């Protein structure tokens, strides 16, 4: 599938998410669409972003606390720089 169609499908997925009324519905949706490993990755990404936004620890400390590579933390930090407040 080309990038344009992938972008359209991503928007369709986001539109589907807007129709969810509860955490239970989101959980069912994400259980359908994501593997357990992908759900774990999202949970880890959330923890990573939360720690970066707190600005209380260095990237190396966050990496050690979360058990991930410094490269993963750096990628997360770089993505935050491209996101509006």
C-alpha atoms as a PDB file:
ATOM      1  CA  UNK A   1       0.000   0.000   0.000  1.00  0.00           C
ATOM      2  CA  UNK A   2       1.409   3.411  -0.921  1.00  0.00           C
ATOM      3  CA  UNK A   3       1.953   6.249   1.550  1.00  0.00           C
ATOM      4  CA  UNK A   4      -1.106   8.189   0.420  1.00  0.00           C
ATOM      5  CA  UNK A   5      -3.422   5.253   1.033  1.00  0.00           C
ATOM      6  CA  UNK A   6      -1.715   4.488   4.331  1.00  0.00           C
ATOM      7  CA  UNK A   7      -2.339   8.079   5.415  1.00  0.00           C
ATOM      8  CA  UNK A   8      -6.019   7.724   4.485  1.00  0.00           C
ATOM      9  CA  UNK A   9      -6.329   4.495   6.448  1.00  0.00           C
ATOM     10  CA  UNK A  10      -4.616   6.124   9.445  1.00  0.00           C
ATOM     11  CA  UNK A  11      -7.218   8.904   9.343  1.00  0.00           C
ATOM     12  CA  UNK A  12      -9.975   6.288   9.151  1.00  0.00           C
ATOM     13  CA  UNK A  13      -8.507   4.614  12.232  1.00  0.00           C
ATOM     14  CA  UNK A  14      -8.389   7.927  14.081  1.00  0.00           C
ATOM     15  CA  UNK A  15     -11.990   8.597  13.074  1.00  0.00           C
ATOM     16  CA  UNK A  16     -12.935   5.187  14.452  1.00  0.00           C
ATOM     17  CA  UNK A  17     -11.214   6.095  17.729  1.00  0.00           C
ATOM     18  CA  UNK A  18     -13.338   9.225  18.049  1.00  0.00           C
ATOM     19  CA  UNK A  19     -16.428   7.011  18.150  1.00  0.00           C
ATOM     20  CA  UNK A  20     -15.307   5.256  21.335  1.00  0.00           C
ATOM     21  CA  UNK A  21     -17.302   6.276  24.409  1.00  0.00           C
ATOM     22  CA  UNK A  22     -15.381   4.539  27.174  1.00  0.00           C
ATOM     23  CA  UNK A  23     -12.046   3.102  28.200  1.00  0.00           C
ATOM     24  CA  UNK A  24     -13.569  -0.368  27.841  1.00  0.00           C
ATOM     25  CA  UNK A  25     -14.429   0.319  24.183  1.00  0.00           C
ATOM     26  CA  UNK A  26     -10.908   1.627  23.545  1.00  0.00           C
ATOM     27  CA  UNK A  27      -9.460  -1.472  25.158  1.00  0.00           C
ATOM     28  CA  UNK A  28     -11.555  -3.735  22.922  1.00  0.00           C
ATOM     29  CA  UNK A  29     -10.573  -1.731  19.848  1.00  0.00           C
ATOM     30  CA  UNK A  30      -6.865  -1.778  20.646  1.00  0.00           C
ATOM     31  CA  UNK A  31      -6.985  -5.464  21.573  1.00  0.00           C
ATOM     32  CA  UNK A  32      -8.455  -6.109  18.129  1.00  0.00           C
ATOM     33  CA  UNK A  33      -5.919  -3.995  16.243  1.00  0.00           C
ATOM     34  CA  UNK A  34      -2.721  -4.327  18.274  1.00  0.00           C
ATOM     35  CA  UNK A  35      -0.672  -7.306  19.356  1.00  0.00           C
ATOM     36  CA  UNK A  36       0.261  -7.591  23.040  1.00  0.00           C
ATOM     37  CA  UNK A  37       3.787  -6.436  22.131  1.00  0.00           C
ATOM     38  CA  UNK A  38       2.428  -3.365  20.326  1.00  0.00           C
ATOM     39  CA  UNK A  39       0.253  -2.511  23.331  1.00  0.00           C
ATOM     40  CA  UNK A  40       3.313  -2.865  25.571  1.00  0.00           C
ATOM     41  CA  UNK A  41       5.230  -0.547  23.239  1.00  0.00           C
ATOM     42  CA  UNK A  42       2.477   2.072  23.508  1.00  0.00           C
ATOM     43  CA  UNK A  43       2.468   1.819  27.304  1.00  0.00           C
ATOM     44  CA  UNK A  44       6.238   2.223  27.318  1.00  0.00           C
ATOM     45  CA  UNK A  45       6.023   5.193  24.953  1.00  0.00           C
ATOM     46  CA  UNK A  46       3.494   6.834  27.278  1.00  0.00           C
ATOM     47  CA  UNK A  47       5.789   6.321  30.276  1.00  0.00           C
ATOM     48  CA  UNK A  48       8.735   7.650  28.275  1.00  0.00           C
ATOM     49  CA  UNK A  49       6.919  10.805  27.150  1.00  0.00           C
ATOM     50  CA  UNK A  50       5.557  11.388  30.656  1.00  0.00           C
ATOM     51  CA  UNK A  51       9.078  11.248  32.090  1.00  0.00           C
ATOM     52  CA  UNK A  52      10.488  13.514  29.383  1.00  0.00           C
ATOM     53  CA  UNK A  53       7.747  16.091  29.969  1.00  0.00           C
ATOM     54  CA  UNK A  54       8.407  16.142  33.727  1.00  0.00           C
ATOM     55  CA  UNK A  55      12.003  17.220  33.005  1.00  0.00           C
ATOM     56  CA  UNK A  56      13.135  15.800  36.361  1.00  0.00           C
ATOM     57  CA  UNK A  57      15.599  13.183  35.080  1.00  0.00           C
ATOM     58  CA  UNK A  58      18.264  12.972  32.432  1.00  0.00           C
ATOM     59  CA  UNK A  59      17.615  10.897  29.345  1.00  0.00           C
ATOM     60  CA  UNK A  60      20.100   8.335  30.634  1.00  0.00           C
ATOM     61  CA  UNK A  61      18.243   8.063  33.950  1.00  0.00           C
ATOM     62  CA  UNK A  62      14.933   7.608  32.132  1.00  0.00           C
ATOM     63  CA  UNK A  63      16.471   4.935  29.912  1.00  0.00           C
ATOM     64  CA  UNK A  64      17.805   3.073  32.955  1.00  0.00           C
ATOM     65  CA  UNK A  65      14.519   3.368  34.869  1.00  0.00           C
ATOM     66  CA  UNK A  66      12.435   2.129  31.932  1.00  0.00           C
ATOM     67  CA  UNK A  67      14.944  -0.492  30.801  1.00  0.00           C
ATOM     68  CA  UNK A  68      15.274   0.894  27.273  1.00  0.00           C
ATOM     69  CA  UNK A  69      18.125   2.165  25.164  1.00  0.00           C
ATOM     70  CA  UNK A  70      19.207   5.789  25.258  1.00  0.00           C
ATOM     71  CA  UNK A  71      18.512   5.843  21.495  1.00  0.00           C
ATOM     72  CA  UNK A  72      14.820   5.118  22.160  1.00  0.00           C
ATOM     73  CA  UNK A  73      14.687   7.983  24.668  1.00  0.00           C
ATOM     74  CA  UNK A  74      16.440  10.300  22.219  1.00  0.00           C
ATOM     75  CA  UNK A  75      13.957   9.411  19.469  1.00  0.00           C
ATOM     76  CA  UNK A  76      11.096  10.167  21.856  1.00  0.00           C
ATOM     77  CA  UNK A  77      12.683  13.480  22.833  1.00  0.00           C
ATOM     78  CA  UNK A  78      13.154  14.396  19.177  1.00  0.00           C
ATOM     79  CA  UNK A  79       9.487  13.633  18.443  1.00  0.00           C
ATOM     80  CA  UNK A  80       8.439  15.879  21.327  1.00  0.00           C
ATOM     81  CA  UNK A  81      10.427  18.722  19.765  1.00  0.00           C
ATOM     82  CA  UNK A  82       8.291  18.459  16.611  1.00  0.00           C
ATOM     83  CA  UNK A  83       5.002  18.458  18.527  1.00  0.00           C
ATOM     84  CA  UNK A  84       3.267  21.727  19.407  1.00  0.00           C
ATOM     85  CA  UNK A  85       2.754  22.333  23.141  1.00  0.00           C
END
